[in-house]
Amino acid sequence: MKFDSPATTNPIDQLQVVGRPTPRIDGPRKTTGTARYAYEQRETPTTPAYGYVLGAGIARGRIVSMDLSAARAAPGVLAIVTAENAGKLHKGQYNTAPLLGGPEIAHYHQAIAVVVADSFERARDAAQRIRVRYEAAPGAFDLAAVKDGAPLSKPGPDGGPPQTAVGDFAGAFAAAPVKLDATYETPDHSHAMMEPHASIAAWQGDRLTVWTSNQMIDWCTGDLAKTLGIAKDKVRLVSPFIGGGFGGKLFVRADALLAALGARAAGRPVKVALQRPLIGNNTTHRPATIQRIRLGATADGRLTAIAHESWSGDQPDGQPETAVGQTRLLYAAPNRMTAMRLAVLHLPEGNAMRAPGEAPGMMALEIAMDEMAEKLNLDPVELRIRNDTQVDPEKPQRAFSQRRLVDCLRIGAERFGWNRRNARPAQVRDGRWLVGLGVAAAFRNNMLTKSAARVRLGRDGIVTVETDMTDIGTGSYTIIAQTAAEMMGVGLDRVNVRLGDSTLPASCGSGGQWGANNATSGVYAACMKLREAVARRLGLDPAEATFADGRVRGGGRALALAQAAGDGELVAEDHIEYGDLDKQYQQSTFGAHFVEVGVDPATAEIRVRRMLAVCAAGRILNPTSARSQVIGAMTMGVGAALMEELAVDKRRGFFVNHDLAGYEVPVHADIPHQDVVFLDETDPISSPMKAKGVGELGICGVAAAVANAVYNATGVRVRHYPVTLDKLLAGLPMPA
């Protein structure tokens, strides 16, 4: 189905199932432990052996020698795979460095061997017996030290051009009555998901099956096949449940490849889970940024000039953190400039993490807007409203399909009690606490991508949906079931959903906030084809047939849906693809975050006291799971603001705090009451579902709202995240 001429109504608009708060249909399996994750699968032809990954002990250089004799002689060892005996491996499309290193080493903890044994403990013990001699080479590990020589990044598939310019920024900035020129820094971040990267691989002849924790089944089936040098149809990936991904599982990582290589070498299935320290240094992470923002405005708060430059680093042939993307679209100003520069760093690969680009970009931009509001003696909410635009500021001929940023700001301000904010910092106390309020806009683009599904109608009236879409804890099973139930006129209890298997039709996958809208649109397309087949089988006019309560009505007749299946089943398969609507209209989601914090003036302890998110993201398919998405994202935003930082050893080139003991994330005690408001809207230009996405909108701007609240409480402006107590103490007023 091609979606390029949006209709005003369609079967989804009945809203009998879609749009209703619905508990997760996979919830009982999750809470009873019967939902099996990658490492727990039991479908292998024989009992799996265990693989243990050895990571490189240097950040850059080469392996001089690797003595495996003691490891091979260890009890229970079945095989050891290194670059020397792995066979020819090809570079995958989605990784910047080989997943199995040797003799050249690209980054610290790059996998250099997998030891396979009959138990995990024996594999781990044998791996420690491998003796490796390295020849270390100098590397670049400090972004600040190399940023000045960093060139513009290369054009990327999703980040847009490396540089844009509209009007005369330099002239307008020089002439602006009020100016801001400030630099902000965001650190490297780890995904730190609960389920590690884990896989079980089994060969049957020349066919490989991998049960793995992966967000993008079709991408990664092809990439694993390419890496191994075999045909894509010889590889099957299965990933029915994922314990958190956040972008870190968009790509094939070392666990899947080494499980496959280990299984081939050992002649039996092998399971591999990357140990927690390798999550930080072996897999992808959110790269650090240095961002310079310049704003020029008239005395009444109209922005006349905006410039946003960002520096980030990655392995050679890597991609930048696209931190300037939202600045190209969020606020009006006739004179504009953005640029992304990419330095070569020999740290582990930087890549997608929840809301890549906008999340760190808005950590800087939304503090800059707060600082400009203070210079103008203007309320921060009002400054954002005055600079709203209904067209793409860089391409004024292209309007937004929908843009309700102003509504989000005004509704949020009223609901949060923003009028009680004291504009002068460090003036409000609650007992010993200094109290402050902060605000930030939220923005995330709506991406449209092809997605397919197959729908089966059985003679028992059960509707089964099949697609390789994944559920990373976001509720994909439920919204896909809701879509099919709505389209076919049955209850949720009459729908089965099969996900996460590469033998099923290729979906959009889970990532980039595109999953819900596109995956359900693919199911919509398949259901539309099935509805037509059902109507024709029952002798009804497809254009007039209605589906409700398990029956199909038309021409004065009402027939049971199951009757159309006959003695077998009726099957339909289709995909959604989009015309040029996303080129005719700018499609984005918007929101506003409000935060209240308390700061102890003696210790600089920060406590988040209240949080509110107001979101405009098209039709909300399931308010229950959407709210969970947003409050989870808000929690991650608190982590980014106050505690999360991968600490770089700039001499040795690795992340020091590469486990959950040293990499701090928020816990329940850190998070107060969170309120979420979804505006009642539909966007018929987005998709037949009239939805967008909300999972990443919930994090964009949160960290800046927290930082702005800390400034309002204390009068201390921190431009280098995270906002930790050592950065506040020197500037805090002395306690009475």
Foldseek 3Di string as FASTA:
>chain_A
DADAPFDPDDLLVVPPQFQAFDPFPCVVCVVVVVDDFALRDDPFPDDAWAKAWFFDPFLWFFWPDKDLVQLVPFPFWQDKDFPVPLPAFDAFPPFDDDQADHRTHLGTGRTGMMITGRYPVSRVVSSVVMDIDTDGDDFFFDQVVCVVVFDFFCDDPPLGHQKDWFDAQVVQLVPFPFKDKDKFKFFWFFQQFPAFWKWKWADDDQAIEIETAAFFQVSALVRLCNRSVHDSVSYKYFGAEHRAPQPQRNYDHNQRNNQHSVCVSSVGMYMYGHPQLCSAQRTAIAWMKMKIWMWGHHLVQETAHIEIEMETEFAPVAGFQSQCRVVQAQFAHRTYMYGYTYDYGSGGGYDGGQQGRQLVNLLFVFLSLVVSCVSSVHDSLVSSVNGGDQARNSCRQAGALDDDQNVQSVVVCVVVVVVPADSAAQPDDDVLWQKFKFKGKFKAFFDADKFKWKWKQWLVRAIEIEEQAYCNPLSQQSLLLSLLCSLQAHDSVRYHYDYNMVVGTGGPTDDRLHRNFFHSLNSNVQSLVVLCLQQVLVVADSVAWDHHPQWIDHPHDIGGSSVSQPNGMDMGMDMYDYDCLCVNHGGMKIKMKMWMWIARLVQRDIATAEIEMEIEWARDRHVNSLVVLLVVLLQQLVCSAAFAHQDAPRRRRYRPQSRPVRGDGDDPVRDYDYYYHYDPHFRSSSHNVSGGGRNSSSNRNSSNRSQRRSCRRFVQHHSYPHPYSVSRNVRGDDRD
